[in-house]
Amino acid sequence: MWFDDLPPDSSWSSLWHSYVLCGNCGGIRHASSVCPACGSPAPSSDPARVRLADGTEMEVPSALMGAEGRYEDWVYLKMLEREWKRPLTDADEFSAIPATKRPAARGIIVLLFWSYFETRIERLLRESMRGIPGPIVEDLLRRYGSIGPRLDRLYGILFSSTYWSDLTELGFTSVSQLLQNVHQSRNAFAHGQPEAITETLVADLVEALKDEHASWIAVFNKRASRRSGAAPGIQP
C-alpha cells in the first residue's frame, strides 16, 4: 500500500508534509512547486529584511503556513494508523455477536475516518463562503447540519454541483465511489446494521487514504481558493 513507500519512522500524518497555504490565493500547494489553484510560482526561501520601529534592521527567516486546518488533522491520521497497525485481540472479533451481524474487527477505522472527513468538508465550505457575512454562514451550516445535506443540497446551492461530481470531474472517480460507499455503510452501521462495515471496506479505505487526501485538496483548490476573477464566497 501507499504507506509502504514512506521513509522509515514516517507516520501517516506525513500526508500533510510539504503542503502549505498559497500566499496569493489561499489554496493548498507544495512549498517547492507552482500553485495548482492560481499558478503563482514557488515562494522564495530567502530571509527577509525588516525595519523595526527604532530603525534597526534585521533578517527574518522565511516561514510558510502549513496547509492542515488544525492540529486534529494530524491526530486523526495518527489514530487511523494506530488502529490499522495494532494487533487484534479476541475482543476485536465481536465473537458474542452472531457472525452475520458482526462489523469488521477494525471497523473503527471507517468511523474515525468519517469524522475526519466531515471536519474537512466543513472547512472547505467555510473557506468557500468567506465572502458571505458570518451570520449567514452559520445559519446555512446549522440548516444543513449533517454531512449528507452538506454534500448535496448546500454544495449545490453554493456551486451548482455536488462533491461527488467535483471528484469525478477532477479525475477521482474511484475515490468518489468509495466515499459514497463509506457514507452508506457508516449510515447503515448507525441504524442497526453493524455488518455493513466489512473487512473489505476497511482495507479499501486504508488503501485509498493517500488518493482521498489528494482529492480533497484538489476540490479545495477548485472551490475554496481566492483565484483571480472568482466571486467572493462562491467559486465557479
Protein backbone atom coordinates (compact mmCIF):
# COMPACT_ATOMS: atom_id res chain seq x y z
CA MET A 1 0.00 0.00 0.00
CA TRP A 2 0.97 3.66 -0.24
CA PHE A 3 2.41 3.79 3.29
CA ASP A 4 4.90 1.03 2.46
CA ASP A 5 6.84 3.65 0.48
CA LEU A 6 7.09 6.11 3.36
CA PRO A 7 10.57 6.83 4.76
CA PRO A 8 11.48 4.95 7.95
CA ASP A 9 9.83 6.40 11.07
CA SER A 10 7.35 8.43 9.00
CA SER A 11 3.72 8.28 10.08
CA TRP A 12 0.52 8.53 8.08
CA SER A 13 0.26 12.16 9.17
CA SER A 14 3.11 12.80 6.73
CA LEU A 15 0.36 13.12 4.11
CA TRP A 16 0.35 16.77 5.19
CA HIS A 17 4.13 17.16 4.87
CA SER A 18 5.37 19.77 2.35
CA TYR A 19 1.86 21.17 1.82
CA VAL A 20 1.46 24.88 2.57
CA LEU A 21 -1.15 27.57 2.02
CA CYS A 22 -0.57 29.74 -1.02
CA GLY A 23 0.12 33.33 0.00
CA ASN A 24 -1.57 34.56 -3.18
CA CYS A 25 -4.86 32.66 -3.30
CA GLY A 26 -5.11 30.67 -0.09
CA GLY A 27 -5.09 27.38 -2.00
CA ILE A 28 -3.12 24.32 -0.95
CA ARG A 29 0.18 23.71 -2.68
CA HIS A 30 3.56 22.06 -2.34
CA ALA A 31 6.09 24.51 -0.98
CA SER A 32 8.52 23.90 -3.85
CA SER A 33 6.20 23.99 -6.87
CA VAL A 34 3.74 26.18 -8.74
CA CYS A 35 0.37 26.67 -7.05
CA PRO A 36 -2.19 24.43 -8.79
CA ALA A 37 -5.00 26.85 -7.93
CA CYS A 38 -3.63 30.17 -9.18
CA GLY A 39 -0.35 29.36 -10.93
CA SER A 40 1.84 31.52 -8.71
CA PRO A 41 5.49 30.38 -8.54
CA ALA A 42 7.07 28.65 -5.58
CA PRO A 43 7.68 31.07 -2.71
CA SER A 44 11.22 32.21 -2.04
CA SER A 45 13.08 30.64 0.86
CA ASP A 46 15.38 33.66 1.21
CA PRO A 47 15.19 35.55 4.52
CA ALA A 48 13.51 38.94 4.53
CA ARG A 49 14.96 42.17 5.97
CA VAL A 50 12.60 44.16 8.16
CA ARG A 51 12.99 47.56 9.81
CA LEU A 52 11.88 47.88 13.42
CA ALA A 53 10.26 50.99 14.93
CA ASP A 54 13.63 52.20 16.24
CA GLY A 55 15.19 51.97 12.79
CA THR A 56 17.07 48.75 13.45
CA GLU A 57 17.12 46.29 10.56
CA MET A 58 17.16 42.53 11.00
CA GLU A 59 16.81 39.39 8.91
CA VAL A 60 13.76 37.22 9.44
CA PRO A 61 13.87 33.61 8.22
CA SER A 62 11.33 32.62 5.60
CA ALA A 63 8.23 30.92 7.04
CA LEU A 64 5.22 29.33 5.35
CA MET A 65 1.86 28.36 6.82
CA GLY A 66 1.15 24.65 6.87
CA ALA A 67 -1.90 23.53 4.90
CA GLU A 68 -3.52 21.49 7.67
CA GLY A 69 -6.55 23.24 9.09
CA ARG A 70 -5.82 22.40 12.71
CA TYR A 71 -3.76 20.11 14.90
CA GLU A 72 -6.50 17.48 14.83
CA ASP A 73 -5.80 16.87 11.13
CA TRP A 74 -2.54 15.24 12.18
CA VAL A 75 -4.11 13.44 15.14
CA TYR A 76 -6.84 11.78 13.06
CA LEU A 77 -4.26 10.31 10.68
CA LYS A 78 -2.13 9.08 13.58
CA MET A 79 -5.19 7.46 15.16
CA LEU A 80 -6.11 5.75 11.89
CA GLU A 81 -2.57 4.43 11.58
CA ARG A 82 -2.59 3.14 15.15
CA GLU A 83 -5.86 1.27 14.63
CA TRP A 84 -4.61 -0.30 11.41
CA LYS A 85 -1.28 -1.43 12.84
CA ARG A 86 -2.18 -2.56 16.34
CA PRO A 87 -2.52 -6.33 17.00
CA LEU A 88 -6.09 -7.52 17.19
CA THR A 89 -7.42 -9.08 20.37
CA ASP A 90 -10.22 -11.59 20.86
CA ALA A 91 -12.49 -8.73 21.86
CA ASP A 92 -11.97 -7.09 18.47
CA GLU A 93 -13.58 -10.08 16.77
CA PHE A 94 -17.01 -9.45 18.40
CA SER A 95 -17.45 -13.19 18.90
CA ALA A 96 -20.51 -12.64 21.12
CA ILE A 97 -22.36 -11.16 18.15
CA PRO A 98 -23.83 -13.51 15.50
CA ALA A 99 -21.42 -13.82 12.59
CA THR A 100 -23.88 -12.28 10.14
CA LYS A 101 -24.16 -9.15 12.28
CA ARG A 102 -20.51 -8.52 13.16
CA PRO A 103 -18.70 -5.38 12.00
CA ALA A 104 -15.13 -5.67 10.77
CA ALA A 105 -12.58 -6.15 13.54
CA ARG A 106 -11.00 -2.84 12.52
CA GLY A 107 -14.33 -1.21 11.70
CA ILE A 108 -13.50 1.73 13.96
CA ILE A 109 -11.22 2.92 11.14
CA VAL A 110 -14.26 3.70 8.99
CA LEU A 111 -15.97 5.64 11.80
CA LEU A 112 -12.79 7.57 12.65
CA PHE A 113 -12.17 8.40 9.02
CA TRP A 114 -15.70 9.66 8.51
CA SER A 115 -15.38 12.05 11.45
CA TYR A 116 -12.13 13.34 9.94
CA PHE A 117 -13.80 13.68 6.53
CA GLU A 118 -16.69 15.68 7.97
CA THR A 119 -14.30 18.20 9.56
CA ARG A 120 -12.58 18.76 6.21
CA ILE A 121 -15.86 19.23 4.38
CA GLU A 122 -16.88 21.88 6.91
CA ARG A 123 -13.52 23.60 6.42
CA LEU A 124 -13.99 23.56 2.64
CA LEU A 125 -17.48 25.04 2.91
CA ARG A 126 -16.46 27.71 5.39
CA GLU A 127 -13.49 28.78 3.29
CA SER A 128 -15.60 28.92 0.14
CA MET A 129 -18.09 31.21 1.94
CA ARG A 130 -15.52 33.64 3.34
CA GLY A 131 -17.09 36.49 1.37
CA ILE A 132 -20.54 35.88 2.86
CA PRO A 133 -21.47 37.59 6.16
CA GLY A 134 -20.76 35.39 9.18
CA PRO A 135 -24.34 35.10 10.47
CA ILE A 136 -25.48 33.80 7.07
CA VAL A 137 -22.67 31.25 7.00
CA GLU A 138 -23.55 29.99 10.47
CA ASP A 139 -27.24 29.81 9.58
CA LEU A 140 -26.50 27.78 6.45
CA LEU A 141 -24.27 25.37 8.35
CA ARG A 142 -26.93 24.93 11.04
CA ARG A 143 -29.67 24.45 8.47
CA TYR A 144 -27.61 21.85 6.64
CA GLY A 145 -26.09 20.38 9.77
CA SER A 146 -25.45 16.79 8.70
CA ILE A 147 -22.96 15.63 6.14
CA GLY A 148 -25.45 14.30 3.57
CA PRO A 149 -27.28 17.60 3.01
CA ARG A 150 -23.97 19.48 3.06
CA LEU A 151 -22.51 17.34 0.31
CA ASP A 152 -25.62 17.51 -1.84
CA ARG A 153 -28.05 20.38 -1.15
CA LEU A 154 -25.73 23.00 0.36
CA TYR A 155 -22.98 22.15 -2.08
CA GLY A 156 -25.50 22.54 -4.90
CA ILE A 157 -26.61 25.93 -3.60
CA LEU A 158 -23.04 27.20 -3.49
CA PHE A 159 -21.58 25.57 -6.59
CA SER A 160 -24.43 24.11 -8.69
CA SER A 161 -22.75 20.74 -8.29
CA THR A 162 -22.14 18.00 -5.72
CA TYR A 163 -18.92 16.96 -4.01
CA TRP A 164 -19.15 13.61 -5.81
CA SER A 165 -19.41 15.30 -9.20
CA ASP A 166 -16.45 17.52 -8.45
CA LEU A 167 -14.33 14.49 -7.55
CA THR A 168 -15.25 12.81 -10.81
CA GLU A 169 -14.54 15.92 -12.89
CA LEU A 170 -11.14 16.25 -11.24
CA GLY A 171 -10.19 12.67 -12.09
CA PHE A 172 -11.03 10.97 -8.78
CA THR A 173 -13.94 8.78 -9.83
CA SER A 174 -12.79 5.80 -7.78
CA VAL A 175 -12.45 7.99 -4.67
CA SER A 176 -15.95 9.38 -5.24
CA GLN A 177 -17.40 5.87 -5.46
CA LEU A 178 -15.50 4.67 -2.39
CA LEU A 179 -16.57 7.65 -0.28
CA GLN A 180 -20.21 7.16 -1.23
CA ASN A 181 -19.88 3.51 -0.21
CA VAL A 182 -18.27 4.53 3.09
CA HIS A 183 -21.07 7.04 3.68
CA GLN A 184 -23.78 4.45 3.06
CA SER A 185 -22.06 1.84 5.21
CA ARG A 186 -21.47 4.25 8.05
CA ASN A 187 -25.16 5.26 7.99
CA ALA A 188 -26.24 1.62 7.92
CA PHE A 189 -23.98 0.94 10.91
CA ALA A 190 -25.57 3.82 12.80
CA HIS A 191 -29.06 2.48 12.08
CA GLY A 192 -28.73 -1.09 13.28
CA GLN A 193 -26.61 -2.79 10.63
CA PRO A 194 -23.09 -3.11 12.09
CA GLU A 195 -22.25 -5.75 9.48
CA ALA A 196 -22.29 -3.00 6.83
CA ILE A 197 -18.72 -2.12 7.81
CA THR A 198 -16.83 -5.02 6.28
CA GLU A 199 -13.17 -6.03 6.26
CA THR A 200 -13.10 -5.29 2.53
CA LEU A 201 -14.40 -1.77 3.08
CA VAL A 202 -11.79 -1.09 5.76
CA ALA A 203 -8.96 -2.33 3.54
CA ASP A 204 -10.22 -0.39 0.52
CA LEU A 205 -10.43 2.78 2.59
CA VAL A 206 -6.94 2.45 4.03
CA GLU A 207 -5.52 1.73 0.59
CA ALA A 208 -7.17 4.87 -0.80
CA LEU A 209 -6.25 7.30 2.01
CA LYS A 210 -3.47 8.99 0.05
CA ASP A 211 -5.64 9.41 -3.05
CA GLU A 212 -8.52 10.67 -0.90
CA HIS A 213 -6.19 13.22 0.67
CA ALA A 214 -5.13 14.45 -2.77
CA SER A 215 -8.74 14.52 -3.99
CA TRP A 216 -9.90 16.72 -1.11
CA ILE A 217 -7.04 19.14 -1.78
CA ALA A 218 -8.00 19.29 -5.47
CA VAL A 219 -11.61 20.14 -4.60
CA PHE A 220 -10.47 22.67 -2.01
CA ASN A 221 -8.35 24.44 -4.65
CA LYS A 222 -11.27 24.44 -7.07
CA ARG A 223 -13.89 25.72 -4.65
CA ALA A 224 -12.20 27.49 -1.73
CA SER A 225 -9.14 29.27 -3.11
CA ARG A 226 -9.22 33.00 -3.84
CA ARG A 227 -8.39 32.73 -7.50
CA SER A 228 -8.24 35.85 -9.66
CA GLY A 229 -11.67 36.73 -11.01
CA ALA A 230 -13.59 34.47 -8.64
CA ALA A 231 -16.55 35.96 -6.82
CA PRO A 232 -16.09 36.15 -3.03
CA GLY A 233 -17.74 33.29 -1.25
CA ILE A 234 -18.77 31.28 -4.32
CA GLN A 235 -16.35 29.77 -6.82
CA PRO A 236 -17.15 28.94 -10.42
